[in-house]
Each structure stands twice: as C-alpha cells, then as structure tokens.
Amino acid sequence: MKKKTVALLSGGISSEREVSLNSGDQVYEALEKDKYDILRYDPATDIKRLVADAAKIDVALIILHGPYGEDGTIQGLLDLLDIPYQGSGVLGSALAMNKLVAKQLYEKVGLPIPPYILIKSRDSINPKSVSKCLGWPVVVKPVQSGSSIGMSIVKKEEELESALKSAFKQDTCVLVEGYIDGIELTGGVIGNETLEALPLIEIIPSESHTFFDYEAKYTAGVTQEICPARISNTLTEQAQSFAKAAHTALFCMGYSRTDMILKKDELFVLETNTIPGMTPTSLLPQAAQKAGLSFSQLLDRLIELGISAHGTHKS
C-alpha cells in the first residue's frame, strides 16, 4: 500500500505554542513510518512552504491549540489548498472556540450550562451586580482561549478586578460563570456521521489547584485522571449523550472532547475542545486507549475520518 504524505502542523503563534510543539513531537513519534511520509510545519514560520508543498500532501494533522490553530484559521487555509485534515472545519472550529456562542448553541439544544454573564473590556465593572446575578464564587474566563489560560476562580468581590485584568489579556470579551462545585468530567467523541462516545474520564486536581488549570493540565503528577469515571451507568450514559449533543450542536467533525461538571446527580456542560490534547497521556487518547485504540491507532482513525470528511467541511 502506498504511503500517505502527512503534513504535521504544530507550534503556531498562540499562547499554547509550547504545548503544541510538545504534542507535535509525540504525534510524530507515534505515527507509523511504514504508513506515512511525514512533513513537519510550524505555522509561525512555514506557511509559505506549506502552500508550496500542497500538491504532494495527502492529509494534514493539525496539532495546534488556541487561536490561529483551533479557531478555524488554519482550517480555512487547508480548505483553500484542498488538503484534507482531521477534525472540525472552519465553522465547527470557530463555534467551539468562542465560548459565548458555544453556550448559546448548547442552550438551543437543551443542554444544561452554568449561569453566566458577558463582560467586555470597555464595560464598567460592578462587582455587586455580578454578585447579585451569580453569587460567589465565580469562574472568570476569556471568551476565546484554551488550556485554561487567563481563567481563574474568584471567591470574593475584591478579587474580581484582578481576575478580569488577567482574562482581558487574552480577549476583549470575558465570561463570568457561576461556580459549580462538583466532579469534573470529560467525554470524548469520535466519528463523522456516526458518533462513538468514549469512556468518560474523571479529573481530580491536587489540593494545591482549585480547578484543572494550565499547570494542572501539563505538570506530571499534579492531577489524577480516572477512566472510566466513578459514576453510575445512568449518569455515564447521560454524560456521553451530552458529549455527542454538544459535538453535533457545534457542527464538529471527526472528534471532540466536551468538559462537564457533575453536582450530585445534575450535569452541566462547560465547553467543547475540537483539538484536544494529543499526547499518549492526554485525556482523549487515554479514553481511546480504554476503548481499545492505541495512540497510533487513534491517529490512523483521525486521518481516515479527515480524508472521508474532505469536502464536507466547506458545506
């Protein structure tokens, strides 16, 4: 069988550049060299070379996180170059990256979400009105950012201004959500037309982290991840159905990972990642492993789905 030429894209210019480069290295190691000729590109420096090489590329693997990689930007370029790629197209990528639009679409299909308000950088801030709407604590997060960068939990009124300043460094629009104290869960989905829900993962940050922040995500040993999650079969099925519904509501393709919170017996959908972490120990690959797919096999499947979906991204 003829080897496929794969363009492996990692790096980029977002605040998640280093995570992307590390993921790209591990994806490169996992791709079976007897199946693929791999060409590596860093969009921060190699866009012209990617364009020049387009005719010889069979498929791209986008291992980019955050703005300019996960938001539909690189997907649009690949569409113009007629290169298939794994995951969501321009529309799904852009919708999922914008946490405000994603919430509005979750609500449209009846998915439960935490209460929230939107604050823009030009707005005057009234902590008392925030307290009246949401109480304390609250979660402050940029509308468009990944890996929990710029996100914080605010427990009292006097902490709000500092948290907003941090979030506004990432975006001009910020969400303030009611904080829900519960079990953090994440549910992966694989497929194009027919969706397969992967085993759920329960996320337990160490006591030194109040939530699954950047350090908790990427520092070994800081977070305990349990797969399958220790919840009832009924709640498991509900969470997996929510992950599928979120994937569909956001026009995702190929794969996604949706984060949720379980408080007692009530689930809340937080956000959907269209390019979740892609190292062997990342959450979605862990869940795929539990479902019987090795990291290499998962990459094969995503490549197949990307080629199969080619052209439908544009519709």
Protein backbone atom coordinates (compact mmCIF):
# COMPACT_ATOMS: atom_id res chain seq x y z
CA MET A 1 0.00 0.00 0.00
CA LYS A 2 1.32 3.42 -0.98
CA LYS A 3 2.37 5.58 1.93
CA LYS A 4 0.37 8.74 2.58
CA THR A 5 2.17 12.06 2.87
CA VAL A 6 1.08 13.71 6.11
CA ALA A 7 1.62 17.38 6.91
CA LEU A 8 2.08 17.57 10.68
CA LEU A 9 1.33 21.10 11.88
CA SER A 10 2.41 22.18 15.36
CA GLY A 11 3.74 25.28 17.07
CA GLY A 12 1.93 28.34 15.78
CA ILE A 13 1.66 31.76 17.36
CA SER A 14 -0.88 31.31 20.17
CA SER A 15 -0.09 31.30 23.89
CA GLU A 16 -0.26 27.50 23.70
CA ARG A 17 2.70 27.23 21.31
CA GLU A 18 4.94 25.17 23.62
CA VAL A 19 2.16 22.68 24.38
CA SER A 20 1.53 22.34 20.65
CA LEU A 21 5.21 21.72 19.86
CA ASN A 22 5.44 19.05 22.54
CA SER A 23 2.27 17.38 21.28
CA GLY A 24 3.58 17.53 17.72
CA ASP A 25 6.79 15.74 18.75
CA GLN A 26 4.82 12.95 20.39
CA VAL A 27 2.42 12.60 17.47
CA TYR A 28 5.42 12.35 15.14
CA GLU A 29 6.86 9.53 17.24
CA ALA A 30 3.53 7.67 17.30
CA LEU A 31 2.79 7.84 13.56
CA GLU A 32 3.82 4.60 11.89
CA LYS A 33 6.59 5.41 9.44
CA ASP A 34 5.77 2.45 7.20
CA LYS A 35 2.34 4.04 6.56
CA TYR A 36 3.22 7.71 6.37
CA ASP A 37 5.82 10.10 4.98
CA ILE A 38 5.67 12.96 7.48
CA LEU A 39 6.43 16.57 6.65
CA ARG A 40 6.53 18.93 9.62
CA TYR A 41 5.42 22.55 9.53
CA ASP A 42 5.32 25.28 12.15
CA PRO A 43 2.67 27.81 11.03
CA ALA A 44 4.67 30.55 12.76
CA THR A 45 7.38 30.24 10.10
CA ASP A 46 6.39 27.67 7.48
CA ILE A 47 3.14 28.82 5.84
CA LYS A 48 4.84 29.60 2.51
CA ARG A 49 6.48 26.17 2.46
CA LEU A 50 3.14 24.51 3.29
CA VAL A 51 1.47 26.31 0.39
CA ALA A 52 4.31 25.35 -1.96
CA ASP A 53 4.09 21.69 -0.90
CA ALA A 54 0.28 21.44 -1.03
CA ALA A 55 0.08 19.34 -4.19
CA LYS A 56 2.10 16.49 -2.67
CA ILE A 57 0.25 16.39 0.70
CA ASP A 58 -2.44 13.73 1.17
CA VAL A 59 -3.71 14.85 4.57
CA ALA A 60 -2.82 17.25 7.39
CA LEU A 61 -2.74 16.60 11.11
CA ILE A 62 -3.44 19.86 12.93
CA ILE A 63 -1.82 19.69 16.37
CA LEU A 64 -2.40 23.34 17.19
CA HIS A 65 -4.25 24.73 20.20
CA GLY A 66 -5.88 28.07 20.83
CA PRO A 67 -6.29 31.00 18.40
CA TYR A 68 -4.95 30.61 14.84
CA GLY A 69 -4.97 26.83 15.15
CA GLU A 70 -8.17 25.68 16.80
CA ASP A 71 -10.44 28.53 15.75
CA GLY A 72 -10.86 27.76 12.05
CA THR A 73 -7.99 29.89 10.77
CA ILE A 74 -5.64 27.12 9.66
CA GLN A 75 -8.64 25.01 8.61
CA GLY A 76 -9.64 27.74 6.14
CA LEU A 77 -6.15 27.78 4.64
CA LEU A 78 -6.17 23.99 4.24
CA ASP A 79 -9.59 24.17 2.58
CA LEU A 80 -8.19 26.70 0.09
CA LEU A 81 -5.24 24.37 -0.56
CA ASP A 82 -7.62 21.40 -0.95
CA ILE A 83 -5.80 19.42 1.75
CA PRO A 84 -7.89 17.05 3.91
CA TYR A 85 -7.37 17.34 7.67
CA GLN A 86 -8.59 15.73 10.87
CA GLY A 87 -11.30 17.25 12.99
CA SER A 88 -13.74 20.10 12.54
CA GLY A 89 -13.86 22.55 9.67
CA VAL A 90 -13.92 26.32 9.81
CA LEU A 91 -17.47 26.56 11.15
CA GLY A 92 -17.23 23.96 13.92
CA SER A 93 -13.79 25.14 14.96
CA ALA A 94 -14.86 28.79 15.21
CA LEU A 95 -18.08 27.99 17.07
CA ALA A 96 -16.41 25.79 19.68
CA MET A 97 -13.56 28.25 20.20
CA ASN A 98 -15.99 31.03 21.05
CA LYS A 99 -17.27 30.03 24.47
CA LEU A 100 -20.16 32.50 24.32
CA VAL A 101 -21.51 31.23 21.00
CA ALA A 102 -20.98 27.64 22.16
CA LYS A 103 -23.08 28.29 25.27
CA GLN A 104 -25.84 29.81 23.18
CA LEU A 105 -25.90 26.73 20.96
CA TYR A 106 -25.83 24.39 23.96
CA GLU A 107 -28.86 26.22 25.32
CA LYS A 108 -30.59 25.97 21.93
CA VAL A 109 -30.45 22.16 22.01
CA GLY A 110 -31.40 21.94 25.69
CA LEU A 111 -28.01 21.18 27.23
CA PRO A 112 -27.70 22.45 30.82
CA ILE A 113 -24.99 25.06 31.43
CA PRO A 114 -23.89 27.16 34.42
CA PRO A 115 -25.43 30.66 34.69
CA TYR A 116 -23.20 33.35 33.18
CA ILE A 117 -22.80 36.98 32.19
CA LEU A 118 -20.64 38.55 29.50
CA ILE A 119 -18.29 41.45 30.28
CA LYS A 120 -16.46 43.43 27.59
CA SER A 121 -13.23 45.31 28.15
CA ARG A 122 -14.94 48.66 27.66
CA ASP A 123 -17.69 47.88 30.21
CA SER A 124 -17.69 49.42 33.66
CA ILE A 125 -17.42 46.66 36.25
CA ASN A 126 -19.83 46.47 39.15
CA PRO A 127 -18.88 43.56 41.43
CA LYS A 128 -22.12 43.93 43.37
CA SER A 129 -24.19 43.33 40.23
CA VAL A 130 -22.06 40.26 39.46
CA SER A 131 -22.70 39.02 42.99
CA LYS A 132 -26.43 39.65 42.64
CA CYS A 133 -26.60 37.68 39.39
CA LEU A 134 -24.27 34.80 40.19
CA GLY A 135 -23.21 34.90 43.85
CA TRP A 136 -19.70 33.85 44.86
CA PRO A 137 -17.51 32.14 43.85
CA VAL A 138 -17.49 32.71 40.09
CA VAL A 139 -15.31 31.48 37.24
CA VAL A 140 -13.73 34.14 35.02
CA LYS A 141 -12.54 33.06 31.59
CA PRO A 142 -11.72 34.67 28.23
CA VAL A 143 -14.33 34.00 25.56
CA GLN A 144 -11.65 32.75 23.15
CA SER A 145 -8.70 31.00 24.75
CA GLY A 146 -7.60 27.46 25.53
CA SER A 147 -5.79 25.38 28.16
CA SER A 148 -7.47 27.49 30.88
CA ILE A 149 -5.10 30.39 30.10
CA GLY A 150 -6.46 33.59 31.64
CA MET A 151 -9.00 31.65 33.68
CA SER A 152 -9.44 32.00 37.44
CA ILE A 153 -11.88 31.32 40.24
CA VAL A 154 -12.98 34.41 42.18
CA LYS A 155 -14.19 33.79 45.71
CA LYS A 156 -14.93 37.34 46.81
CA GLU A 157 -15.73 40.77 45.44
CA GLU A 158 -12.29 42.32 45.83
CA GLU A 159 -10.66 39.61 43.68
CA LEU A 160 -12.83 40.24 40.63
CA GLU A 161 -10.94 43.19 39.12
CA SER A 162 -7.60 41.35 39.10
CA ALA A 163 -9.16 38.24 37.56
CA LEU A 164 -10.80 40.30 34.81
CA LYS A 165 -7.50 42.02 34.02
CA SER A 166 -5.84 38.64 33.58
CA ALA A 167 -8.64 37.41 31.32
CA PHE A 168 -8.66 40.61 29.24
CA LYS A 169 -5.01 39.96 28.35
CA GLN A 170 -6.30 37.05 26.26
CA ASP A 171 -9.50 38.54 24.83
CA THR A 172 -11.64 41.68 24.82
CA CYS A 173 -14.69 39.67 25.94
CA VAL A 174 -14.83 37.66 29.16
CA LEU A 175 -17.36 35.23 30.59
CA VAL A 176 -18.17 35.22 34.28
CA GLU A 177 -19.87 31.96 35.24
CA GLY A 178 -21.47 30.78 38.41
CA TYR A 179 -19.04 28.32 40.02
CA ILE A 180 -20.36 24.77 40.36
CA ASP A 181 -18.65 22.63 42.96
CA GLY A 182 -18.75 19.07 41.68
CA ILE A 183 -16.94 16.26 39.90
CA GLU A 184 -15.04 17.32 36.79
CA LEU A 185 -15.71 15.01 33.85
CA THR A 186 -14.70 14.96 30.22
CA GLY A 187 -16.24 12.98 27.40
CA GLY A 188 -14.59 12.25 24.07
CA VAL A 189 -16.45 11.63 20.83
CA ILE A 190 -15.08 10.12 17.60
CA GLY A 191 -16.79 9.97 14.21
CA ASN A 192 -18.26 11.92 11.33
CA GLU A 193 -21.86 10.92 10.63
CA THR A 194 -21.93 8.09 13.19
CA LEU A 195 -20.59 9.13 16.59
CA GLU A 196 -18.90 6.90 19.16
CA ALA A 197 -18.76 8.14 22.73
CA LEU A 198 -15.52 7.16 24.51
CA PRO A 199 -15.32 6.19 28.19
CA LEU A 200 -15.64 9.19 30.49
CA ILE A 201 -12.68 10.49 32.45
CA GLU A 202 -12.95 11.86 35.98
CA ILE A 203 -10.47 14.67 36.68
CA ILE A 204 -9.20 15.29 40.21
CA PRO A 205 -6.75 18.24 40.50
CA SER A 206 -4.43 18.16 43.51
CA GLU A 207 -5.39 20.13 46.61
CA SER A 208 -2.99 22.88 45.52
CA HIS A 209 -5.21 23.59 42.47
CA THR A 210 -8.80 24.71 42.78
CA PHE A 211 -9.54 23.66 39.20
CA PHE A 212 -7.98 21.97 36.15
CA ASP A 213 -5.81 24.97 35.21
CA TYR A 214 -2.81 25.19 32.85
CA GLU A 215 -0.34 23.86 35.42
CA ALA A 216 -2.68 21.06 36.46
CA LYS A 217 -3.13 20.08 32.81
CA TYR A 218 0.54 19.94 31.87
CA THR A 219 2.54 19.16 35.02
CA ALA A 220 3.07 15.46 35.60
CA GLY A 221 1.58 14.10 38.80
CA VAL A 222 -0.46 17.20 39.67
CA THR A 223 -3.79 15.78 38.51
CA GLN A 224 -5.37 12.38 38.99
CA GLU A 225 -7.32 11.13 36.00
CA ILE A 226 -9.61 8.14 36.41
CA CYS A 227 -11.03 6.29 33.40
CA PRO A 228 -13.74 5.19 33.39
CA ALA A 229 -15.19 7.82 35.72
CA ARG A 230 -16.58 6.52 39.01
CA ILE A 231 -20.20 7.45 38.40
CA SER A 232 -23.36 5.44 37.82
CA ASN A 233 -24.19 3.83 34.49
CA THR A 234 -27.19 6.14 34.15
CA LEU A 235 -25.11 9.28 34.63
CA THR A 236 -22.38 7.89 32.38
CA GLU A 237 -24.86 7.38 29.56
CA GLN A 238 -26.30 10.86 30.10
CA ALA A 239 -22.86 12.49 30.05
CA GLN A 240 -21.90 10.59 26.89
CA SER A 241 -25.15 11.68 25.24
CA PHE A 242 -24.38 15.29 26.25
CA ALA A 243 -20.91 14.99 24.67
CA LYS A 244 -22.48 13.78 21.43
CA ALA A 245 -25.15 16.51 21.54
CA ALA A 246 -22.52 19.22 22.12
CA HIS A 247 -20.43 17.86 19.25
CA THR A 248 -23.44 17.96 16.92
CA ALA A 249 -24.70 21.36 18.11
CA LEU A 250 -21.34 22.94 17.29
CA PHE A 251 -21.09 21.29 13.84
CA CYS A 252 -17.97 19.39 14.90
CA MET A 253 -16.41 16.67 12.76
CA GLY A 254 -14.02 13.81 13.37
CA TYR A 255 -13.58 14.10 17.11
CA SER A 256 -14.08 16.39 20.08
CA ARG A 257 -13.88 16.38 23.85
CA THR A 258 -16.55 18.05 26.00
CA ASP A 259 -15.90 19.08 29.60
CA MET A 260 -18.67 18.81 32.18
CA ILE A 261 -19.32 19.17 35.89
CA LEU A 262 -21.45 16.75 37.90
CA LYS A 263 -23.05 18.19 41.03
CA LYS A 264 -24.92 15.47 42.92
CA ASP A 265 -26.97 13.97 40.07
CA GLU A 266 -27.04 17.05 37.84
CA LEU A 267 -24.71 17.51 34.87
CA PHE A 268 -23.60 20.86 33.42
CA VAL A 269 -21.80 21.28 30.09
CA LEU A 270 -18.82 23.66 30.21
CA GLU A 271 -17.06 23.69 26.83
CA THR A 272 -16.03 21.58 23.84
CA ASN A 273 -12.48 21.16 22.55
CA THR A 274 -12.13 20.49 18.82
CA ILE A 275 -8.37 19.77 19.02
CA PRO A 276 -7.96 18.24 22.46
CA GLY A 277 -4.52 17.48 23.84
CA MET A 278 -2.79 14.88 21.68
CA THR A 279 -0.06 13.14 23.59
CA PRO A 280 -0.34 9.49 24.70
CA THR A 281 -1.23 10.65 28.24
CA SER A 282 -3.69 13.38 27.19
CA LEU A 283 -7.33 12.91 28.11
CA LEU A 284 -8.86 11.87 24.79
CA PRO A 285 -6.05 9.40 23.94
CA GLN A 286 -6.42 7.94 27.44
CA ALA A 287 -10.13 7.36 26.84
CA ALA A 288 -9.43 5.92 23.37
CA GLN A 289 -6.91 3.54 24.94
CA LYS A 290 -9.57 2.36 27.37
CA ALA A 291 -11.86 1.77 24.37
CA GLY A 292 -9.18 -0.37 22.71
CA LEU A 293 -7.44 2.16 20.45
CA SER A 294 -3.71 2.69 20.94
CA PHE A 295 -2.34 6.19 20.33
CA SER A 296 -1.07 5.15 16.88
CA GLN A 297 -4.42 3.57 16.03
CA LEU A 298 -6.25 6.70 17.19
CA LEU A 299 -4.14 8.83 14.85
CA ASP A 300 -4.85 6.40 12.00
CA ARG A 301 -8.57 6.70 12.71
CA LEU A 302 -8.48 10.51 12.78
CA ILE A 303 -6.59 10.59 9.49
CA GLU A 304 -9.16 8.24 7.91
CA LEU A 305 -12.04 10.37 9.21
CA GLY A 306 -10.37 13.53 7.92
CA ILE A 307 -9.95 12.10 4.43
CA SER A 308 -13.52 10.76 4.49
CA ALA A 309 -14.91 14.16 5.51
CA HIS A 310 -12.91 16.10 2.93
CA GLY A 311 -15.18 18.49 1.08
CA THR A 312 -17.97 18.38 3.66
CA HIS A 313 -16.05 20.98 5.74
CA LYS A 314 -16.95 23.54 3.10
CA SER A 315 -20.70 22.95 3.19
